[in-house]
Amino acid sequence: MSDQHENRAFGTIRHKTSRFFALDALRGLIIVLMALDHANHFIAQKHPPGEIWDGVFPIYYSALAFLTRWVTHLAAPGFFFLMGVGMLLLVRSRQQRGWSKWATIRHFLIRGAVLVALHLLVVNRAWELSPQGWGVKIYIGVLCALGGTMILGSLLLWLKPAYLLGLTALLFVGMELTHPGLGMWNSVSHDPVWVILLRPGGDANLWSYYPVLPWLELVTFGMVFGHWLVDAPRKAFSRAWKLGVAFLLAFVVVRYRDGFGNIRPRMSNSWIDFLNPVKYPPSMAFTLMTTGVNLILLWLFSRAGELVQGVLQPLAVFGRAPLFFYVLHLFLYAGIGTLVAPHGTSIPLMYPFWLLGLLILFPLCLWYGRFKHRQPASSVVRFF
């Protein structure tokens, strides 16, 4: 079987951009789901409080409200995992172009710093447009954590896969072991160093939902998967669904036991509470649940034939311009909310406006993805 036929058989068709379709499609899907979450915030104004390790925890009175939130949980873990995969693939690509180790590290250091700066200087301006107010002066959000883990990850890319896997396991268990329990909010430090690096929290001057270290495990795991993809794509995607099923089974066990791995116990025995673990920081249960689903989705995308890939191309278009989409969609949904629903809508009525936003963003992302691809490898445009 020729290389081209083998790639088609296992859903790893390479486009002119030499990217795995499955990675772009998964990234595009979680971007679309993330947009749903933010449309809920800006338009419906029904976004629940964060699933944080202490304090108020969201309570849902309808399945629709919960599922609207639950599907969006796939986004953050997926971003960190796919970033790790992408970092490893970029290293291999740049090595073939003659980049030195230091040149590659410098690239990621700059790129990580750009992510942090973009969040603090631009993205936070979008959050200040929140219809119900935004009282935080400095917010440490997902782009800050992505930038921080990219900076740290640039120093770890050179480890062998076995060491990366060991580090992933250490972070996965260690972050849970070192995290304070429920009811200790007033007993731990909320100094900037702690909330930026280790645990969510803070005050009106500085608030963090995404400390760097708890999310690093997903980046290092992504690097491991990147190694697998480079070495044997077929085996890597086959391994994805097996790991995905194993992760989901482990989630059921951890969640059912309702002890270690949950950070805080379930509030009831309902199916909603069972599927509603702590996200900030990502508890073991949350990571197992979301990463398990993402891995199975990745495998499904890898099995897509050419016809299905054609249908899924809009997801790949979004997936090739993730940062461009991220920045634009926040301001777009904030604007839609201000114009058409200053006092909010029901969740069902929010869905058409979510889709409208995607329709507006699609041609912009299509144009930007093509424009970005035409730029040299060292161009800052490729960061977006």
Protein backbone atom coordinates (compact mmCIF):
# COMPACT_ATOMS: atom_id res chain seq x y z
CA MET A 1 0.00 0.00 0.00
CA SER A 2 1.39 3.43 -0.91
CA ASP A 3 1.96 6.08 1.75
CA GLN A 4 -0.86 8.16 0.31
CA HIS A 5 -3.30 5.26 0.40
CA GLU A 6 -2.22 4.32 3.91
CA ASN A 7 -2.76 7.88 5.12
CA ARG A 8 -6.24 7.92 3.61
CA ALA A 9 -7.08 4.59 5.17
CA PHE A 10 -6.31 5.84 8.63
CA GLY A 11 -7.72 9.34 8.32
CA THR A 12 -4.40 11.17 8.40
CA ILE A 13 -4.62 12.87 5.04
CA ARG A 14 -2.05 15.65 4.80
CA HIS A 15 -3.20 18.90 3.27
CA LYS A 16 -0.88 21.52 1.81
CA THR A 17 -0.33 22.66 5.37
CA SER A 18 1.00 19.19 6.31
CA ARG A 19 -1.35 19.01 9.28
CA PHE A 20 -3.31 16.05 10.58
CA PHE A 21 -6.95 16.62 9.70
CA ALA A 22 -8.11 14.95 12.92
CA LEU A 23 -6.18 17.44 15.06
CA ASP A 24 -7.63 20.43 13.22
CA ALA A 25 -11.16 19.00 13.36
CA LEU A 26 -10.99 18.31 17.09
CA ARG A 27 -9.55 21.77 17.73
CA GLY A 28 -12.32 23.27 15.63
CA LEU A 29 -15.01 21.33 17.50
CA ILE A 30 -13.84 22.43 20.92
CA ILE A 31 -13.55 26.01 19.67
CA VAL A 32 -17.19 25.87 18.56
CA LEU A 33 -18.20 24.46 21.95
CA MET A 34 -16.17 27.15 23.73
CA ALA A 35 -18.08 29.75 21.72
CA LEU A 36 -21.34 28.25 23.00
CA ASP A 37 -20.14 28.77 26.57
CA HIS A 38 -19.31 32.40 25.91
CA ALA A 39 -22.55 33.02 24.03
CA ASN A 40 -24.27 31.72 27.15
CA HIS A 41 -22.31 34.27 29.17
CA PHE A 42 -22.78 37.33 26.96
CA ILE A 43 -26.19 36.68 25.35
CA ALA A 44 -28.28 34.38 27.56
CA GLN A 45 -26.57 35.64 30.71
CA LYS A 46 -27.25 32.21 32.19
CA HIS A 47 -23.64 31.14 32.66
CA PRO A 48 -23.21 29.36 36.00
CA PRO A 49 -20.50 30.16 38.55
CA GLY A 50 -17.23 28.34 38.00
CA GLU A 51 -16.78 24.78 39.23
CA ILE A 52 -14.11 25.91 41.68
CA TRP A 53 -12.45 23.93 44.45
CA ASP A 54 -14.14 25.84 47.28
CA GLY A 55 -17.01 28.22 47.80
CA VAL A 56 -20.14 28.42 45.65
CA PHE A 57 -20.63 25.47 43.28
CA PRO A 58 -23.13 25.55 40.38
CA ILE A 59 -26.54 23.95 40.82
CA TYR A 60 -28.60 23.11 37.73
CA TYR A 61 -32.37 22.91 37.60
CA SER A 62 -32.70 21.63 34.05
CA ALA A 63 -30.89 19.14 31.86
CA LEU A 64 -30.56 21.68 29.05
CA ALA A 65 -28.80 24.22 31.26
CA PHE A 66 -26.39 21.57 32.51
CA LEU A 67 -25.66 20.01 29.13
CA THR A 68 -25.11 23.45 27.61
CA ARG A 69 -22.34 23.88 30.16
CA TRP A 70 -21.11 20.27 30.21
CA VAL A 71 -20.22 19.98 26.52
CA THR A 72 -18.06 23.08 26.83
CA HIS A 73 -15.91 21.36 29.46
CA LEU A 74 -14.16 19.59 26.59
CA ALA A 75 -12.64 22.87 25.42
CA ALA A 76 -9.99 23.81 27.99
CA PRO A 77 -8.46 20.32 28.42
CA GLY A 78 -8.55 19.89 24.66
CA PHE A 79 -6.69 23.15 24.08
CA PHE A 80 -3.86 22.20 26.44
CA PHE A 81 -3.59 18.66 25.09
CA LEU A 82 -3.59 19.76 21.45
CA MET A 83 -1.09 22.50 22.20
CA GLY A 84 1.29 19.87 23.54
CA VAL A 85 0.79 17.77 20.42
CA GLY A 86 1.34 20.80 18.21
CA MET A 87 4.50 21.84 20.04
CA LEU A 88 6.07 18.43 19.47
CA LEU A 89 5.08 18.38 15.80
CA LEU A 90 6.45 21.89 15.32
CA VAL A 91 9.78 20.87 16.86
CA ARG A 92 10.09 18.01 14.38
CA SER A 93 9.12 20.30 11.49
CA ARG A 94 11.58 23.01 12.46
CA GLN A 95 14.39 20.50 12.97
CA GLN A 96 13.91 19.44 9.36
CA ARG A 97 14.32 23.10 8.37
CA GLY A 98 17.57 23.34 10.28
CA TRP A 99 16.40 25.19 13.38
CA SER A 100 18.66 24.77 16.40
CA LYS A 101 17.39 23.71 19.79
CA TRP A 102 17.80 27.23 21.14
CA ALA A 103 15.97 28.76 18.17
CA THR A 104 13.02 26.46 18.83
CA ILE A 105 12.98 27.23 22.56
CA ARG A 106 13.16 30.94 21.83
CA HIS A 107 10.22 30.58 19.45
CA PHE A 108 8.06 29.04 22.18
CA LEU A 109 9.23 31.53 24.81
CA ILE A 110 8.17 34.41 22.58
CA ARG A 111 4.96 32.71 21.57
CA GLY A 112 4.05 31.99 25.18
CA ALA A 113 4.76 35.58 26.18
CA VAL A 114 2.55 36.80 23.32
CA LEU A 115 -0.32 34.65 24.60
CA VAL A 116 -0.01 36.09 28.10
CA ALA A 117 0.24 39.67 26.84
CA LEU A 118 -2.69 39.20 24.48
CA HIS A 119 -4.87 37.99 27.30
CA LEU A 120 -3.94 40.76 29.71
CA LEU A 121 -4.04 43.60 27.18
CA VAL A 122 -6.83 42.55 24.79
CA VAL A 123 -8.93 39.63 25.99
CA ASN A 124 -9.55 41.15 29.40
CA ARG A 125 -11.07 44.17 27.63
CA ALA A 126 -13.68 41.79 26.20
CA TRP A 127 -14.50 40.38 29.64
CA GLU A 128 -15.00 43.92 30.89
CA LEU A 129 -17.96 44.09 28.48
CA SER A 130 -19.78 41.40 30.48
CA PRO A 131 -23.43 42.47 30.82
CA GLN A 132 -23.53 41.82 34.56
CA GLY A 133 -20.29 43.67 35.23
CA TRP A 134 -16.70 42.63 35.68
CA GLY A 135 -15.12 43.68 38.95
CA VAL A 136 -11.68 42.08 38.57
CA LYS A 137 -8.78 44.38 37.69
CA ILE A 138 -6.47 41.63 36.43
CA TYR A 139 -7.89 38.29 35.34
CA ILE A 140 -5.65 35.26 34.74
CA GLY A 141 -7.53 33.22 32.16
CA VAL A 142 -6.95 30.38 29.77
CA LEU A 143 -4.56 32.23 27.42
CA CYS A 144 -2.32 33.07 30.36
CA ALA A 145 -2.16 29.42 31.35
CA LEU A 146 -1.60 28.32 27.76
CA GLY A 147 1.25 30.82 27.50
CA GLY A 148 2.71 29.77 30.83
CA THR A 149 2.57 26.06 30.05
CA MET A 150 4.06 26.73 26.62
CA ILE A 151 7.00 28.51 28.22
CA LEU A 152 7.55 25.67 30.70
CA GLY A 153 6.86 23.04 28.06
CA SER A 154 9.54 24.46 25.76
CA LEU A 155 12.09 23.22 28.27
CA LEU A 156 10.51 19.76 28.47
CA LEU A 157 10.14 18.99 24.77
CA TRP A 158 13.56 17.41 24.68
CA LEU A 159 12.70 14.71 27.22
CA LYS A 160 12.15 11.17 26.00
CA PRO A 161 8.49 10.06 25.79
CA ALA A 162 8.88 7.76 28.81
CA TYR A 163 10.10 10.65 30.95
CA LEU A 164 7.31 12.90 29.69
CA LEU A 165 4.78 10.22 30.52
CA GLY A 166 6.25 9.86 34.00
CA LEU A 167 6.10 13.63 34.50
CA THR A 168 2.48 13.62 33.36
CA ALA A 169 1.60 10.97 35.95
CA LEU A 170 3.50 12.86 38.64
CA LEU A 171 1.62 16.08 37.90
CA PHE A 172 -1.70 14.24 37.60
CA VAL A 173 -1.43 12.71 41.07
CA GLY A 174 0.78 15.33 42.70
CA MET A 175 -1.51 18.28 41.99
CA GLU A 176 -4.36 16.39 43.66
CA LEU A 177 -2.28 15.40 46.68
CA THR A 178 -1.04 18.93 47.31
CA HIS A 179 -4.38 20.69 46.81
CA PRO A 180 -6.23 21.94 49.90
CA GLY A 181 -9.56 20.39 50.74
CA LEU A 182 -13.05 21.85 50.78
CA GLY A 183 -13.55 24.51 53.43
CA MET A 184 -9.94 25.76 53.44
CA TRP A 185 -10.46 28.89 51.32
CA ASN A 186 -9.59 31.21 54.21
CA SER A 187 -6.73 29.03 55.41
CA VAL A 188 -4.52 29.16 52.31
CA SER A 189 -2.55 31.95 50.71
CA HIS A 190 -4.08 33.83 47.80
CA ASP A 191 -0.90 35.73 47.04
CA PRO A 192 -0.25 36.32 43.32
CA VAL A 193 2.45 33.66 43.03
CA TRP A 194 0.16 30.98 44.41
CA VAL A 195 -2.89 31.81 42.31
CA ILE A 196 -0.86 32.20 39.12
CA LEU A 197 1.11 28.99 39.52
CA LEU A 198 -0.76 26.56 41.77
CA ARG A 199 -4.42 27.10 42.71
CA PRO A 200 -7.35 29.24 41.54
CA GLY A 201 -8.38 32.15 43.69
CA GLY A 202 -7.51 35.73 44.46
CA ASP A 203 -9.45 38.94 45.02
CA ALA A 204 -10.79 41.90 43.08
CA ASN A 205 -7.28 43.03 42.22
CA LEU A 206 -6.10 39.71 40.82
CA TRP A 207 -8.18 36.63 40.12
CA SER A 208 -7.02 33.38 38.54
CA TYR A 209 -9.10 30.50 37.23
CA TYR A 210 -6.19 28.94 35.35
CA PRO A 211 -3.01 28.50 37.38
CA VAL A 212 -0.22 27.10 35.27
CA LEU A 213 0.99 23.94 37.00
CA PRO A 214 -2.34 22.03 37.27
CA TRP A 215 -2.83 22.31 33.50
CA LEU A 216 0.73 21.37 32.57
CA GLU A 217 -0.07 17.64 32.80
CA LEU A 218 -2.27 17.90 29.71
CA VAL A 219 0.47 19.64 27.74
CA THR A 220 3.07 17.01 28.60
CA PHE A 221 0.58 14.25 27.76
CA GLY A 222 -0.01 15.99 24.44
CA MET A 223 3.74 15.92 23.80
CA VAL A 224 3.74 12.18 24.43
CA PHE A 225 0.91 11.74 21.95
CA GLY A 226 2.83 13.90 19.50
CA HIS A 227 5.75 11.48 19.71
CA TRP A 228 3.36 8.61 19.00
CA LEU A 229 1.93 10.44 15.99
CA VAL A 230 5.37 11.09 14.53
CA ASP A 231 6.50 7.51 15.03
CA ALA A 232 3.34 5.64 13.95
CA PRO A 233 0.13 7.60 13.19
CA ARG A 234 -2.01 4.48 12.81
CA LYS A 235 -1.00 3.11 16.20
CA ALA A 236 -1.33 6.54 17.82
CA PHE A 237 -4.94 6.99 16.75
CA SER A 238 -5.75 3.40 17.67
CA ARG A 239 -4.23 4.05 21.07
CA ALA A 240 -6.37 7.19 21.40
CA TRP A 241 -9.70 5.38 21.56
CA LYS A 242 -8.36 2.70 23.88
CA LEU A 243 -6.98 5.31 26.26
CA GLY A 244 -10.19 7.29 25.93
CA VAL A 245 -12.30 4.33 27.03
CA ALA A 246 -9.86 3.56 29.86
CA PHE A 247 -9.98 7.18 31.04
CA LEU A 248 -13.78 7.19 31.08
CA LEU A 249 -13.90 3.94 33.04
CA ALA A 250 -11.41 5.37 35.51
CA PHE A 251 -13.57 8.51 35.78
CA VAL A 252 -16.61 6.40 36.68
CA VAL A 253 -14.65 4.63 39.43
CA VAL A 254 -13.12 7.83 40.85
CA ARG A 255 -16.42 9.68 40.72
CA TYR A 256 -18.42 6.81 42.19
CA ARG A 257 -16.03 6.46 45.14
CA ASP A 258 -16.41 10.21 45.69
CA GLY A 259 -13.12 10.57 47.55
CA PHE A 260 -9.57 11.18 46.34
CA GLY A 261 -9.54 12.55 42.84
CA ASN A 262 -12.65 14.72 43.21
CA ILE A 263 -11.29 17.64 45.34
CA ARG A 264 -14.79 18.18 46.73
CA PRO A 265 -17.57 15.58 47.20
CA ARG A 266 -20.72 15.39 45.09
CA MET A 267 -23.64 17.45 46.34
CA SER A 268 -26.15 14.70 45.53
CA ASN A 269 -26.51 11.37 43.77
CA SER A 270 -28.11 12.78 40.62
CA TRP A 271 -26.62 12.13 37.20
CA ILE A 272 -25.98 15.85 36.82
CA ASP A 273 -23.85 15.99 39.96
CA PHE A 274 -22.05 12.82 38.91
CA LEU A 275 -20.97 14.51 35.67
CA ASN A 276 -20.13 17.83 37.32
CA PRO A 277 -16.65 17.53 38.90
CA VAL A 278 -14.33 20.35 39.92
CA LYS A 279 -12.79 22.15 36.93
CA TYR A 280 -10.78 24.86 38.72
CA PRO A 281 -8.21 23.42 39.16
CA PRO A 282 -8.86 20.34 36.99
CA SER A 283 -9.56 17.50 39.39
CA MET A 284 -8.52 13.99 38.42
CA ALA A 285 -12.18 13.21 37.75
CA PHE A 286 -12.54 16.23 35.46
CA THR A 287 -9.36 15.42 33.53
CA LEU A 288 -10.30 11.76 33.08
CA MET A 289 -13.82 12.60 31.92
CA THR A 290 -12.94 15.34 29.44
CA THR A 291 -9.71 13.87 28.09
CA GLY A 292 -11.38 10.50 27.65
CA VAL A 293 -14.09 12.06 25.48
CA ASN A 294 -11.55 14.15 23.53
CA LEU A 295 -9.40 11.12 22.75
CA ILE A 296 -12.38 9.16 21.45
CA LEU A 297 -13.42 12.13 19.32
CA LEU A 298 -9.88 12.39 17.98
CA TRP A 299 -9.97 8.74 16.97
CA LEU A 300 -13.35 9.19 15.28
CA PHE A 301 -12.05 12.16 13.29
CA SER A 302 -9.00 10.13 12.29
CA ARG A 303 -11.28 7.47 10.82
CA ALA A 304 -13.24 9.93 8.72
CA GLY A 305 -13.15 9.24 4.99
CA GLU A 306 -12.84 11.92 2.36
CA LEU A 307 -16.61 12.47 2.15
CA VAL A 308 -16.96 12.95 5.90
CA GLN A 309 -13.88 15.15 5.96
CA GLY A 310 -15.53 17.36 3.37
CA VAL A 311 -18.57 17.74 5.63
CA LEU A 312 -16.33 18.50 8.61
CA GLN A 313 -14.17 21.06 6.80
CA PRO A 314 -15.79 24.00 8.65
CA LEU A 315 -14.43 22.57 11.90
CA ALA A 316 -10.97 22.26 10.38
CA VAL A 317 -11.19 25.88 9.17
CA PHE A 318 -11.85 27.06 12.74
CA GLY A 319 -9.17 24.70 14.01
CA ARG A 320 -6.49 26.27 11.80
CA ALA A 321 -7.09 29.78 13.17
CA PRO A 322 -7.75 29.12 16.87
CA LEU A 323 -6.28 32.24 18.45
CA PHE A 324 -7.72 34.50 15.75
CA PHE A 325 -11.14 32.96 16.43
CA TYR A 326 -10.72 33.23 20.20
CA VAL A 327 -10.04 36.95 20.29
CA LEU A 328 -12.71 37.86 17.74
CA HIS A 329 -15.51 35.73 19.13
CA LEU A 330 -15.44 37.30 22.57
CA PHE A 331 -15.99 40.80 21.21
CA LEU A 332 -18.52 39.51 18.67
CA TYR A 333 -20.74 37.78 21.22
CA ALA A 334 -20.38 40.70 23.62
CA GLY A 335 -21.61 42.97 20.83
CA ILE A 336 -24.50 40.68 19.88
CA GLY A 337 -25.55 40.48 23.51
CA THR A 338 -25.51 44.26 23.88
CA LEU A 339 -27.50 44.82 20.68
CA VAL A 340 -30.16 42.13 20.82
CA ALA A 341 -30.38 40.93 24.41
CA PRO A 342 -29.19 43.56 26.91
CA HIS A 343 -31.20 41.80 29.61
CA GLY A 344 -30.41 38.26 28.51
CA THR A 345 -32.43 35.52 26.82
CA SER A 346 -33.49 32.00 27.59
CA ILE A 347 -30.96 29.31 26.79
CA PRO A 348 -32.94 27.97 23.78
CA LEU A 349 -33.15 31.47 22.29
CA MET A 350 -29.41 31.92 22.76
CA TYR A 351 -28.57 29.02 20.43
CA PRO A 352 -29.51 30.78 17.14
CA PHE A 353 -27.29 33.73 18.06
CA TRP A 354 -24.46 31.31 18.83
CA LEU A 355 -24.84 29.85 15.34
CA LEU A 356 -25.06 33.34 13.84
CA GLY A 357 -21.72 34.17 15.43
CA LEU A 358 -20.16 31.06 13.90
CA LEU A 359 -21.50 32.00 10.46
CA ILE A 360 -19.95 35.45 10.78
CA LEU A 361 -16.61 34.06 11.95
CA PHE A 362 -16.30 31.29 9.36
CA PRO A 363 -15.27 33.37 6.32
CA LEU A 364 -12.95 35.46 8.48
CA CYS A 365 -11.20 32.34 9.80
CA LEU A 366 -11.06 30.84 6.32
CA TRP A 367 -9.34 33.97 5.00
CA TYR A 368 -6.97 34.22 7.95
CA GLY A 369 -6.01 30.54 7.82
CA ARG A 370 -5.00 30.90 4.16
CA PHE A 371 -3.20 34.18 4.84
CA LYS A 372 -1.30 32.65 7.76
CA HIS A 373 -0.19 29.68 5.70
CA ARG A 374 1.44 31.98 3.15
CA GLN A 375 3.67 33.59 5.78
CA PRO A 376 7.23 32.43 6.52
CA ALA A 377 7.77 30.01 9.38
CA SER A 378 9.27 32.73 11.59
CA SER A 379 6.36 35.19 11.10
CA VAL A 380 4.47 36.28 14.22
CA VAL A 381 1.29 35.94 12.15
CA ARG A 382 1.61 32.17 12.52
CA PHE A 383 1.15 32.54 16.28
CA PHE A 384 -2.55 33.16 15.67
